[in-house]
Amino acid sequence: MKVYVRTIFVFTAACFLVPLSVLADYSVHPDAHVFVDRMVNEHKLDRSYVESLLQNANKQQSIIDAITRPAEKVKTWAQYRNIFIQERRVDQGIQFWLENFDALARASKKYNVAPEVIVAIIGVETSYGRNKGNYRVIDALTTLSFDYPKRSVFFTKQLENFLLLCAEQNQDPLIFSGSYAGAMGYGQFIPSSYRSYAVDFDGDGFSDIWNNETDAIGSVANYFSRHGWRMGEKVIVSASFSKGHDLSLVNKLQLNKTIGELGVLGFSPIQILPAESKALPVLLEGMNGEEFWLGLHNFYVITRYNHSHLY
């Protein structure tokens, strides 16, 4: 009887000690053969190599849970703002700026992006490298590619890009960590953004956005430059919205109307701006109620980095 009870106890305890990650062996997933074939036939990767990576990937239910409730969908602007606009983070930003002064100045000059913009982005994304994510990128991308049908097409493409960038940079895909969505490094680049915009800004032959602050600074600046950042221009201005304004135009992140056209529709900037400039209406829930804004060209560029009007 004692042996029986001990066995039951050990088994029960073991159940509670099972990690949240599960070794899924994604190489046998019904959709895996299509992915493996593409990596082999289109990109000439070794079949056994790709299959071994999928075999070593862990399914993470916490990733699926996290992606279904991102902060920007459940928090107001006032709450979201208070997370990032605080003395501690400002102090961290000043420290980061001073420690990387030369790299920031060089990136600003080369890419025509103000250093404060680069510093702010890295601060928002990872608190200057303090929170780059605790999930293995391979786990995040396989979990979302094969066990999250709603976004499987997008994340399968990111998994493809991740394996390609690791091959191009001669890196091991199993060692890198990132966010639950597979975003990586100081600036939280997804793999396709890495391959398109990451730069080797210190000239060592490796575009290292994971651990190299100089490369991260150059990469963020390049991203903004390539998306049309205009040095010295405003980002967003206070506005007034007429009663009964068209809600279908608000917070849509579509830069397809001019200030003049928006004025006719009841969206007017508080200050005088060129009527031909393009803008988009933004409505936020602030500390004191509704806030009315017009996002300008540079606001739209920022939302190319993160597609949320709260960003």
C-alpha atoms as a PDB file:
ATOM      1  CA  MET A   1       0.000   0.000   0.000  1.00  0.00           C
ATOM      2  CA  LYS A   2       2.808   2.396   0.898  1.00  0.00           C
ATOM      3  CA  VAL A   3       4.489   1.743  -2.447  1.00  0.00           C
ATOM      4  CA  TYR A   4       1.192   2.342  -4.256  1.00  0.00           C
ATOM      5  CA  VAL A   5       0.560   5.612  -2.442  1.00  0.00           C
ATOM      6  CA  ARG A   6       4.123   6.749  -3.079  1.00  0.00           C
ATOM      7  CA  THR A   7       3.736   5.979  -6.805  1.00  0.00           C
ATOM      8  CA  ILE A   8       0.514   7.986  -7.010  1.00  0.00           C
ATOM      9  CA  PHE A   9       2.153  10.895  -5.182  1.00  0.00           C
ATOM     10  CA  VAL A  10       5.194  10.933  -7.455  1.00  0.00           C
ATOM     11  CA  PHE A  11       3.035  10.747 -10.587  1.00  0.00           C
ATOM     12  CA  THR A  12       0.775  13.587  -9.379  1.00  0.00           C
ATOM     13  CA  ALA A  13       3.750  15.754  -8.467  1.00  0.00           C
ATOM     14  CA  ALA A  14       5.316  15.116 -11.863  1.00  0.00           C
ATOM     15  CA  CYS A  15       2.148  16.330 -13.566  1.00  0.00           C
ATOM     16  CA  PHE A  16       2.459  19.675 -11.809  1.00  0.00           C
ATOM     17  CA  LEU A  17       6.109  19.935 -12.815  1.00  0.00           C
ATOM     18  CA  VAL A  18       5.465  19.526 -16.559  1.00  0.00           C
ATOM     19  CA  PRO A  19       6.678  22.712 -18.281  1.00  0.00           C
ATOM     20  CA  LEU A  20       4.265  24.946 -20.132  1.00  0.00           C
ATOM     21  CA  SER A  21       6.188  24.241 -23.331  1.00  0.00           C
ATOM     22  CA  VAL A  22       5.505  20.949 -25.082  1.00  0.00           C
ATOM     23  CA  LEU A  23       7.872  19.196 -27.448  1.00  0.00           C
ATOM     24  CA  ALA A  24       5.575  19.114 -30.451  1.00  0.00           C
ATOM     25  CA  ASP A  25       7.802  17.692 -33.207  1.00  0.00           C
ATOM     26  CA  TYR A  26       6.434  20.059 -35.805  1.00  0.00           C
ATOM     27  CA  SER A  27       8.189  18.065 -38.526  1.00  0.00           C
ATOM     28  CA  VAL A  28       5.177  15.689 -38.506  1.00  0.00           C
ATOM     29  CA  HIS A  29       2.537  18.418 -38.420  1.00  0.00           C
ATOM     30  CA  PRO A  30       0.109  18.092 -41.370  1.00  0.00           C
ATOM     31  CA  ASP A  31       1.248  21.446 -42.774  1.00  0.00           C
ATOM     32  CA  ALA A  32       4.957  20.934 -42.174  1.00  0.00           C
ATOM     33  CA  HIS A  33       5.729  18.979 -45.345  1.00  0.00           C
ATOM     34  CA  VAL A  34       4.615  21.932 -47.500  1.00  0.00           C
ATOM     35  CA  PHE A  35       6.847  24.291 -45.516  1.00  0.00           C
ATOM     36  CA  VAL A  36       9.833  21.929 -45.631  1.00  0.00           C
ATOM     37  CA  ASP A  37       9.417  21.382 -49.380  1.00  0.00           C
ATOM     38  CA  ARG A  38       9.403  25.143 -49.979  1.00  0.00           C
ATOM     39  CA  MET A  39      12.543  25.689 -47.915  1.00  0.00           C
ATOM     40  CA  VAL A  40      14.283  22.894 -49.812  1.00  0.00           C
ATOM     41  CA  ASN A  41      13.034  23.569 -53.344  1.00  0.00           C
ATOM     42  CA  GLU A  42      12.914  27.373 -53.338  1.00  0.00           C
ATOM     43  CA  HIS A  43      15.731  28.212 -50.957  1.00  0.00           C
ATOM     44  CA  LYS A  44      17.998  25.156 -51.258  1.00  0.00           C
ATOM     45  CA  LEU A  45      18.181  24.439 -47.540  1.00  0.00           C
ATOM     46  CA  ASP A  46      18.997  20.881 -46.508  1.00  0.00           C
ATOM     47  CA  ARG A  47      15.862  18.860 -45.823  1.00  0.00           C
ATOM     48  CA  SER A  48      17.201  17.060 -42.779  1.00  0.00           C
ATOM     49  CA  TYR A  49      18.384  20.386 -41.349  1.00  0.00           C
ATOM     50  CA  VAL A  50      14.945  22.010 -41.660  1.00  0.00           C
ATOM     51  CA  GLU A  51      13.210  18.932 -40.273  1.00  0.00           C
ATOM     52  CA  SER A  52      15.573  18.820 -37.299  1.00  0.00           C
ATOM     53  CA  LEU A  53      14.746  22.440 -36.478  1.00  0.00           C
ATOM     54  CA  LEU A  54      11.028  21.657 -36.497  1.00  0.00           C
ATOM     55  CA  GLN A  55      11.620  18.578 -34.358  1.00  0.00           C
ATOM     56  CA  ASN A  56      13.388  20.705 -31.753  1.00  0.00           C
ATOM     57  CA  ALA A  57      10.702  23.393 -31.628  1.00  0.00           C
ATOM     58  CA  ASN A  58       8.433  23.550 -28.588  1.00  0.00           C
ATOM     59  CA  LYS A  59       4.749  24.375 -28.728  1.00  0.00           C
ATOM     60  CA  GLN A  60       4.009  27.225 -26.314  1.00  0.00           C
ATOM     61  CA  GLN A  61       0.351  27.642 -25.373  1.00  0.00           C
ATOM     62  CA  SER A  62       1.257  30.846 -23.523  1.00  0.00           C
ATOM     63  CA  ILE A  63       2.238  32.357 -26.884  1.00  0.00           C
ATOM     64  CA  ILE A  64      -1.219  31.715 -28.313  1.00  0.00           C
ATOM     65  CA  ASP A  65      -2.780  33.097 -25.140  1.00  0.00           C
ATOM     66  CA  ALA A  66      -0.639  36.239 -25.322  1.00  0.00           C
ATOM     67  CA  ILE A  67      -1.268  37.044 -28.971  1.00  0.00           C
ATOM     68  CA  THR A  68      -5.025  36.938 -28.485  1.00  0.00           C
ATOM     69  CA  ARG A  69      -4.909  39.706 -25.877  1.00  0.00           C
ATOM     70  CA  PRO A  70      -2.281  42.323 -26.818  1.00  0.00           C
ATOM     71  CA  ALA A  71      -2.093  45.371 -24.520  1.00  0.00           C
ATOM     72  CA  GLU A  72      -3.179  47.868 -27.149  1.00  0.00           C
ATOM     73  CA  LYS A  73      -6.544  46.109 -27.519  1.00  0.00           C
ATOM     74  CA  VAL A  74      -7.502  46.211 -23.852  1.00  0.00           C
ATOM     75  CA  LYS A  75      -5.947  49.445 -22.549  1.00  0.00           C
ATOM     76  CA  THR A  76      -6.934  53.047 -23.137  1.00  0.00           C
ATOM     77  CA  TRP A  77      -4.404  55.558 -24.420  1.00  0.00           C
ATOM     78  CA  ALA A  78      -4.109  57.054 -20.932  1.00  0.00           C
ATOM     79  CA  GLN A  79      -3.223  53.663 -19.458  1.00  0.00           C
ATOM     80  CA  TYR A  80      -0.923  52.728 -22.315  1.00  0.00           C
ATOM     81  CA  ARG A  81       0.868  56.097 -22.136  1.00  0.00           C
ATOM     82  CA  ASN A  82       1.561  55.766 -18.422  1.00  0.00           C
ATOM     83  CA  ILE A  83       3.462  52.542 -19.057  1.00  0.00           C
ATOM     84  CA  PHE A  84       6.014  54.318 -21.218  1.00  0.00           C
ATOM     85  CA  ILE A  85       6.096  57.956 -20.165  1.00  0.00           C
ATOM     86  CA  GLN A  86       7.680  57.664 -16.748  1.00  0.00           C
ATOM     87  CA  GLU A  87      10.794  59.035 -15.078  1.00  0.00           C
ATOM     88  CA  ARG A  88      12.622  55.716 -14.948  1.00  0.00           C
ATOM     89  CA  ARG A  89      12.324  55.137 -18.672  1.00  0.00           C
ATOM     90  CA  VAL A  90      13.300  58.725 -19.436  1.00  0.00           C
ATOM     91  CA  ASP A  91      16.434  58.294 -17.318  1.00  0.00           C
ATOM     92  CA  GLN A  92      17.217  55.050 -19.153  1.00  0.00           C
ATOM     93  CA  GLY A  93      16.820  56.885 -22.456  1.00  0.00           C
ATOM     94  CA  ILE A  94      19.241  59.612 -21.457  1.00  0.00           C
ATOM     95  CA  GLN A  95      21.750  56.993 -20.329  1.00  0.00           C
ATOM     96  CA  PHE A  96      21.379  55.073 -23.611  1.00  0.00           C
ATOM     97  CA  TRP A  97      21.795  58.282 -25.619  1.00  0.00           C
ATOM     98  CA  LEU A  98      24.960  59.271 -23.767  1.00  0.00           C
ATOM     99  CA  GLU A  99      26.467  55.793 -24.024  1.00  0.00           C
ATOM    100  CA  ASN A 100      25.749  55.606 -27.767  1.00  0.00           C
ATOM    101  CA  PHE A 101      26.148  59.268 -28.661  1.00  0.00           C
ATOM    102  CA  ASP A 102      28.505  58.754 -31.603  1.00  0.00           C
ATOM    103  CA  ALA A 103      26.475  55.917 -33.147  1.00  0.00           C
ATOM    104  CA  LEU A 104      23.253  57.907 -32.829  1.00  0.00           C
ATOM    105  CA  ALA A 105      24.825  60.998 -34.360  1.00  0.00           C
ATOM    106  CA  ARG A 106      26.219  58.971 -37.242  1.00  0.00           C
ATOM    107  CA  ALA A 107      22.896  57.181 -37.840  1.00  0.00           C
ATOM    108  CA  SER A 108      20.997  60.470 -37.724  1.00  0.00           C
ATOM    109  CA  LYS A 109      23.324  61.992 -40.301  1.00  0.00           C
ATOM    110  CA  LYS A 110      23.302  58.989 -42.633  1.00  0.00           C
ATOM    111  CA  TYR A 111      19.572  58.205 -42.513  1.00  0.00           C
ATOM    112  CA  ASN A 112      18.197  61.695 -41.794  1.00  0.00           C
ATOM    113  CA  VAL A 113      16.294  60.553 -38.720  1.00  0.00           C
ATOM    114  CA  ALA A 114      16.508  62.505 -35.457  1.00  0.00           C
ATOM    115  CA  PRO A 115      18.401  60.674 -32.680  1.00  0.00           C
ATOM    116  CA  GLU A 116      15.551  61.198 -30.213  1.00  0.00           C
ATOM    117  CA  VAL A 117      13.265  59.226 -32.519  1.00  0.00           C
ATOM    118  CA  ILE A 118      15.687  56.285 -32.614  1.00  0.00           C
ATOM    119  CA  VAL A 119      16.170  56.409 -28.843  1.00  0.00           C
ATOM    120  CA  ALA A 120      12.420  56.583 -28.204  1.00  0.00           C
ATOM    121  CA  ILE A 121      11.650  53.572 -30.386  1.00  0.00           C
ATOM    122  CA  ILE A 122      14.255  51.366 -28.715  1.00  0.00           C
ATOM    123  CA  GLY A 123      12.953  52.531 -25.333  1.00  0.00           C
ATOM    124  CA  VAL A 124       9.358  51.670 -26.143  1.00  0.00           C
ATOM    125  CA  GLU A 125      10.246  48.331 -27.678  1.00  0.00           C
ATOM    126  CA  THR A 126      12.632  46.860 -25.102  1.00  0.00           C
ATOM    127  CA  SER A 127      13.481  49.433 -22.411  1.00  0.00           C
ATOM    128  CA  TYR A 128      16.879  49.795 -24.097  1.00  0.00           C
ATOM    129  CA  GLY A 129      17.553  46.084 -24.287  1.00  0.00           C
ATOM    130  CA  ARG A 130      16.290  45.175 -20.837  1.00  0.00           C
ATOM    131  CA  ASN A 131      13.274  43.283 -22.152  1.00  0.00           C
ATOM    132  CA  LYS A 132      14.011  41.704 -25.507  1.00  0.00           C
ATOM    133  CA  GLY A 133      11.725  38.716 -24.943  1.00  0.00           C
ATOM    134  CA  ASN A 134      12.033  35.341 -23.257  1.00  0.00           C
ATOM    135  CA  TYR A 135      10.643  33.017 -25.901  1.00  0.00           C
ATOM    136  CA  ARG A 136      12.840  31.136 -28.313  1.00  0.00           C
ATOM    137  CA  VAL A 137      12.090  32.623 -31.711  1.00  0.00           C
ATOM    138  CA  ILE A 138      11.866  29.155 -33.250  1.00  0.00           C
ATOM    139  CA  ASP A 139       9.189  28.217 -30.679  1.00  0.00           C
ATOM    140  CA  ALA A 140       7.187  31.382 -31.217  1.00  0.00           C
ATOM    141  CA  LEU A 141       7.164  31.140 -34.988  1.00  0.00           C
ATOM    142  CA  THR A 142       6.424  27.410 -35.222  1.00  0.00           C
ATOM    143  CA  THR A 143       3.658  27.651 -32.617  1.00  0.00           C
ATOM    144  CA  LEU A 144       1.995  30.513 -34.477  1.00  0.00           C
ATOM    145  CA  SER A 145       2.619  29.013 -37.917  1.00  0.00           C
ATOM    146  CA  PHE A 146       1.159  25.595 -37.193  1.00  0.00           C
ATOM    147  CA  ASP A 147      -1.146  26.033 -34.192  1.00  0.00           C
ATOM    148  CA  TYR A 148      -2.686  29.471 -34.698  1.00  0.00           C
ATOM    149  CA  PRO A 149      -4.742  29.204 -37.908  1.00  0.00           C
ATOM    150  CA  LYS A 150      -5.975  32.794 -37.731  1.00  0.00           C
ATOM    151  CA  ARG A 151      -2.482  34.131 -38.560  1.00  0.00           C
ATOM    152  CA  SER A 152      -0.759  31.031 -39.896  1.00  0.00           C
ATOM    153  CA  VAL A 153      -0.033  32.488 -43.343  1.00  0.00           C
ATOM    154  CA  PHE A 154       1.723  35.529 -41.882  1.00  0.00           C
ATOM    155  CA  PHE A 155       3.753  33.620 -39.317  1.00  0.00           C
ATOM    156  CA  THR A 156       4.717  30.851 -41.715  1.00  0.00           C
ATOM    157  CA  LYS A 157       6.235  33.592 -43.868  1.00  0.00           C
ATOM    158  CA  GLN A 158       8.070  34.905 -40.813  1.00  0.00           C
ATOM    159  CA  LEU A 159       9.350  31.414 -40.006  1.00  0.00           C
ATOM    160  CA  GLU A 160      10.613  31.168 -43.583  1.00  0.00           C
ATOM    161  CA  ASN A 161      12.382  34.512 -43.267  1.00  0.00           C
ATOM    162  CA  PHE A 162      13.839  33.560 -39.897  1.00  0.00           C
ATOM    163  CA  LEU A 163      15.483  30.428 -41.254  1.00  0.00           C
ATOM    164  CA  LEU A 164      16.775  32.362 -44.239  1.00  0.00           C
ATOM    165  CA  LEU A 165      18.277  35.196 -42.194  1.00  0.00           C
ATOM    166  CA  CYS A 166      19.992  32.665 -39.914  1.00  0.00           C
ATOM    167  CA  ALA A 167      21.445  30.964 -42.993  1.00  0.00           C
ATOM    168  CA  GLU A 168      22.534  34.308 -44.451  1.00  0.00           C
ATOM    169  CA  GLN A 169      24.126  35.423 -41.182  1.00  0.00           C
ATOM    170  CA  ASN A 170      25.532  31.948 -40.396  1.00  0.00           C
ATOM    171  CA  GLN A 171      23.635  31.728 -37.108  1.00  0.00           C
ATOM    172  CA  ASP A 172      21.930  28.902 -35.196  1.00  0.00           C
ATOM    173  CA  PRO A 173      18.111  29.363 -35.278  1.00  0.00           C
ATOM    174  CA  LEU A 174      17.722  27.509 -31.976  1.00  0.00           C
ATOM    175  CA  ILE A 175      19.618  30.024 -29.828  1.00  0.00           C
ATOM    176  CA  PHE A 176      17.759  33.299 -30.399  1.00  0.00           C
ATOM    177  CA  SER A 177      15.101  34.659 -28.061  1.00  0.00           C
ATOM    178  CA  GLY A 178      12.418  37.237 -28.743  1.00  0.00           C
ATOM    179  CA  SER A 179       8.819  38.191 -28.098  1.00  0.00           C
ATOM    180  CA  TYR A 180       5.791  35.902 -28.192  1.00  0.00           C
ATOM    181  CA  ALA A 181       5.298  37.046 -31.804  1.00  0.00           C
ATOM    182  CA  GLY A 182       8.878  36.325 -32.877  1.00  0.00           C
ATOM    183  CA  ALA A 183      10.097  39.934 -32.776  1.00  0.00           C
ATOM    184  CA  MET A 184      13.807  40.190 -32.037  1.00  0.00           C
ATOM    185  CA  GLY A 185      16.490  42.371 -30.572  1.00  0.00           C
ATOM    186  CA  TYR A 186      16.641  45.951 -29.302  1.00  0.00           C
ATOM    187  CA  GLY A 187      14.178  47.202 -31.896  1.00  0.00           C
ATOM    188  CA  GLN A 188      11.973  44.075 -31.992  1.00  0.00           C
ATOM    189  CA  PHE A 189      12.255  43.385 -35.710  1.00  0.00           C
ATOM    190  CA  ILE A 190      10.205  40.529 -37.083  1.00  0.00           C
ATOM    191  CA  PRO A 191      12.274  38.314 -39.414  1.00  0.00           C
ATOM    192  CA  SER A 192      11.049  39.899 -42.663  1.00  0.00           C
ATOM    193  CA  SER A 193      11.922  43.345 -41.304  1.00  0.00           C
ATOM    194  CA  TYR A 194      15.333  42.081 -40.268  1.00  0.00           C
ATOM    195  CA  ARG A 195      16.089  40.878 -43.772  1.00  0.00           C
ATOM    196  CA  SER A 196      14.802  44.116 -45.302  1.00  0.00           C
ATOM    197  CA  TYR A 197      16.095  46.781 -42.914  1.00  0.00           C
ATOM    198  CA  ALA A 198      18.707  45.457 -40.466  1.00  0.00           C
ATOM    199  CA  VAL A 199      22.172  46.853 -41.148  1.00  0.00           C
ATOM    200  CA  ASP A 200      25.712  46.074 -40.082  1.00  0.00           C
ATOM    201  CA  PHE A 201      26.347  49.556 -38.723  1.00  0.00           C
ATOM    202  CA  ASP A 202      29.665  48.821 -37.033  1.00  0.00           C
ATOM    203  CA  GLY A 203      31.211  47.010 -40.010  1.00  0.00           C
ATOM    204  CA  ASP A 204      31.963  43.669 -38.346  1.00  0.00           C
ATOM    205  CA  GLY A 205      30.208  41.627 -41.035  1.00  0.00           C
ATOM    206  CA  PHE A 206      27.150  40.694 -38.940  1.00  0.00           C
ATOM    207  CA  SER A 207      23.898  42.670 -38.690  1.00  0.00           C
ATOM    208  CA  ASP A 208      23.457  41.915 -35.008  1.00  0.00           C
ATOM    209  CA  ILE A 209      20.242  43.533 -33.737  1.00  0.00           C
ATOM    210  CA  TRP A 210      20.102  41.093 -30.816  1.00  0.00           C
ATOM    211  CA  ASN A 211      23.153  42.186 -28.816  1.00  0.00           C
ATOM    212  CA  ASN A 212      24.865  45.007 -30.721  1.00  0.00           C
ATOM    213  CA  GLU A 213      23.521  48.447 -29.809  1.00  0.00           C
ATOM    214  CA  THR A 214      25.270  50.104 -32.744  1.00  0.00           C
ATOM    215  CA  ASP A 215      23.671  47.751 -35.268  1.00  0.00           C
ATOM    216  CA  ALA A 216      20.293  48.193 -33.564  1.00  0.00           C
ATOM    217  CA  ILE A 217      20.554  51.979 -33.786  1.00  0.00           C
ATOM    218  CA  GLY A 218      21.485  51.900 -37.467  1.00  0.00           C
ATOM    219  CA  SER A 219      18.744  49.387 -38.224  1.00  0.00           C
ATOM    220  CA  VAL A 220      15.959  51.423 -36.586  1.00  0.00           C
ATOM    221  CA  ALA A 221      17.165  54.549 -38.381  1.00  0.00           C
ATOM    222  CA  ASN A 222      17.265  52.690 -41.700  1.00  0.00           C
ATOM    223  CA  TYR A 223      13.737  51.375 -41.136  1.00  0.00           C
ATOM    224  CA  PHE A 224      12.373  54.901 -40.624  1.00  0.00           C
ATOM    225  CA  SER A 225      14.346  56.267 -43.536  1.00  0.00           C
ATOM    226  CA  ARG A 226      13.127  53.571 -45.899  1.00  0.00           C
ATOM    227  CA  HIS A 227       9.525  54.284 -44.866  1.00  0.00           C
ATOM    228  CA  GLY A 228       9.863  57.975 -45.712  1.00  0.00           C
ATOM    229  CA  TRP A 229      10.621  59.760 -42.437  1.00  0.00           C
ATOM    230  CA  ARG A 230      10.904  63.523 -42.957  1.00  0.00           C
ATOM    231  CA  MET A 231      13.446  65.138 -40.677  1.00  0.00           C
ATOM    232  CA  GLY A 232      12.154  68.195 -38.836  1.00  0.00           C
ATOM    233  CA  GLU A 233       8.479  67.746 -39.675  1.00  0.00           C
ATOM    234  CA  LYS A 234       5.742  67.454 -37.044  1.00  0.00           C
ATOM    235  CA  VAL A 235       4.298  64.081 -36.098  1.00  0.00           C
ATOM    236  CA  ILE A 236       0.810  64.908 -34.806  1.00  0.00           C
ATOM    237  CA  VAL A 237      -1.181  68.064 -33.989  1.00  0.00           C
ATOM    238  CA  SER A 238      -4.203  68.826 -31.819  1.00  0.00           C
ATOM    239  CA  ALA A 239      -7.470  69.043 -33.708  1.00  0.00           C
ATOM    240  CA  SER A 240     -11.187  69.672 -33.354  1.00  0.00           C
ATOM    241  CA  PHE A 241     -13.790  67.209 -34.621  1.00  0.00           C
ATOM    242  CA  SER A 242     -17.276  68.425 -35.495  1.00  0.00           C
ATOM    243  CA  LYS A 243     -20.297  66.815 -33.886  1.00  0.00           C
ATOM    244  CA  GLY A 244     -21.437  63.797 -35.839  1.00  0.00           C
ATOM    245  CA  HIS A 245     -18.002  63.295 -37.412  1.00  0.00           C
ATOM    246  CA  ASP A 246     -17.560  60.254 -39.631  1.00  0.00           C
ATOM    247  CA  LEU A 247     -16.254  57.508 -37.310  1.00  0.00           C
ATOM    248  CA  SER A 248     -15.281  55.378 -40.301  1.00  0.00           C
ATOM    249  CA  LEU A 249     -12.334  57.738 -40.903  1.00  0.00           C
ATOM    250  CA  VAL A 250     -11.044  57.754 -37.315  1.00  0.00           C
ATOM    251  CA  ASN A 251      -7.996  55.692 -36.219  1.00  0.00           C
ATOM    252  CA  LYS A 252      -7.837  53.890 -39.571  1.00  0.00           C
ATOM    253  CA  LEU A 253      -4.177  54.719 -40.318  1.00  0.00           C
ATOM    254  CA  GLN A 254      -4.919  55.565 -43.937  1.00  0.00           C
ATOM    255  CA  LEU A 255      -3.030  58.611 -45.140  1.00  0.00           C
ATOM    256  CA  ASN A 256      -5.222  59.314 -48.143  1.00  0.00           C
ATOM    257  CA  LYS A 257      -6.852  62.686 -47.432  1.00  0.00           C
ATOM    258  CA  THR A 258      -5.476  66.207 -47.261  1.00  0.00           C
ATOM    259  CA  ILE A 259      -5.927  68.720 -44.459  1.00  0.00           C
ATOM    260  CA  GLY A 260      -8.279  70.623 -46.781  1.00  0.00           C
ATOM    261  CA  GLU A 261     -10.402  67.563 -47.509  1.00  0.00           C
ATOM    262  CA  LEU A 262     -10.560  66.607 -43.849  1.00  0.00           C
ATOM    263  CA  GLY A 263     -11.608  70.150 -42.939  1.00  0.00           C
ATOM    264  CA  VAL A 264     -14.659  69.843 -45.165  1.00  0.00           C
ATOM    265  CA  LEU A 265     -15.505  66.600 -43.352  1.00  0.00           C
ATOM    266  CA  GLY A 266     -15.241  68.244 -39.928  1.00  0.00           C
ATOM    267  CA  PHE A 267     -11.668  67.380 -38.896  1.00  0.00           C
ATOM    268  CA  SER A 268      -9.632  70.555 -38.432  1.00  0.00           C
ATOM    269  CA  PRO A 269      -6.170  71.170 -36.942  1.00  0.00           C
ATOM    270  CA  ILE A 270      -5.946  73.701 -34.126  1.00  0.00           C
ATOM    271  CA  GLN A 271      -2.972  75.345 -35.838  1.00  0.00           C
ATOM    272  CA  ILE A 272      -2.633  76.453 -39.443  1.00  0.00           C
ATOM    273  CA  LEU A 273      -1.187  73.784 -41.716  1.00  0.00           C
ATOM    274  CA  PRO A 274      -0.853  73.604 -45.516  1.00  0.00           C
ATOM    275  CA  ALA A 275      -4.185  72.520 -46.969  1.00  0.00           C
ATOM    276  CA  GLU A 276      -2.435  70.094 -49.334  1.00  0.00           C
ATOM    277  CA  SER A 277      -0.639  68.199 -46.519  1.00  0.00           C
ATOM    278  CA  LYS A 278      -2.035  64.754 -45.832  1.00  0.00           C
ATOM    279  CA  ALA A 279      -3.289  63.702 -42.414  1.00  0.00           C
ATOM    280  CA  LEU A 280      -5.457  61.158 -40.638  1.00  0.00           C
ATOM    281  CA  PRO A 281      -7.922  61.683 -37.745  1.00  0.00           C
ATOM    282  CA  VAL A 282      -6.997  60.142 -34.386  1.00  0.00           C
ATOM    283  CA  LEU A 283      -9.311  59.891 -31.377  1.00  0.00           C
ATOM    284  CA  LEU A 284      -7.798  58.852 -28.033  1.00  0.00           C
ATOM    285  CA  GLU A 285      -9.139  58.253 -24.529  1.00  0.00           C
ATOM    286  CA  GLY A 286      -6.860  60.453 -22.440  1.00  0.00           C
ATOM    287  CA  MET A 287      -6.596  61.268 -18.757  1.00  0.00           C
ATOM    288  CA  ASN A 288      -9.258  63.971 -19.092  1.00  0.00           C
ATOM    289  CA  GLY A 289     -11.526  62.341 -21.625  1.00  0.00           C
ATOM    290  CA  GLU A 290     -11.476  62.307 -25.417  1.00  0.00           C
ATOM    291  CA  GLU A 291      -8.491  63.797 -27.235  1.00  0.00           C
ATOM    292  CA  PHE A 292      -8.733  64.852 -30.895  1.00  0.00           C
ATOM    293  CA  TRP A 293      -5.655  64.782 -33.122  1.00  0.00           C
ATOM    294  CA  LEU A 294      -4.537  64.787 -36.737  1.00  0.00           C
ATOM    295  CA  GLY A 295      -1.655  62.451 -37.441  1.00  0.00           C
ATOM    296  CA  LEU A 296       0.662  63.773 -40.150  1.00  0.00           C
ATOM    297  CA  HIS A 297       3.063  62.057 -42.535  1.00  0.00           C
ATOM    298  CA  ASN A 298       5.601  61.181 -39.825  1.00  0.00           C
ATOM    299  CA  PHE A 299       2.841  59.781 -37.618  1.00  0.00           C
ATOM    300  CA  TYR A 300       1.931  57.446 -40.454  1.00  0.00           C
ATOM    301  CA  VAL A 301       5.599  56.439 -40.805  1.00  0.00           C
ATOM    302  CA  ILE A 302       5.713  55.542 -37.104  1.00  0.00           C
ATOM    303  CA  THR A 303       2.668  53.314 -37.553  1.00  0.00           C
ATOM    304  CA  ARG A 304       4.561  51.385 -40.236  1.00  0.00           C
ATOM    305  CA  TYR A 305       6.805  50.247 -37.392  1.00  0.00           C
ATOM    306  CA  ASN A 306       3.835  49.203 -35.272  1.00  0.00           C
ATOM    307  CA  HIS A 307       0.399  49.225 -36.870  1.00  0.00           C
ATOM    308  CA  SER A 308      -1.517  50.762 -33.969  1.00  0.00           C
ATOM    309  CA  HIS A 309      -2.795  54.298 -33.514  1.00  0.00           C
ATOM    310  CA  LEU A 310      -1.758  53.982 -29.842  1.00  0.00           C
ATOM    311  CA  TYR A 311       1.895  53.401 -30.690  1.00  0.00           C
END
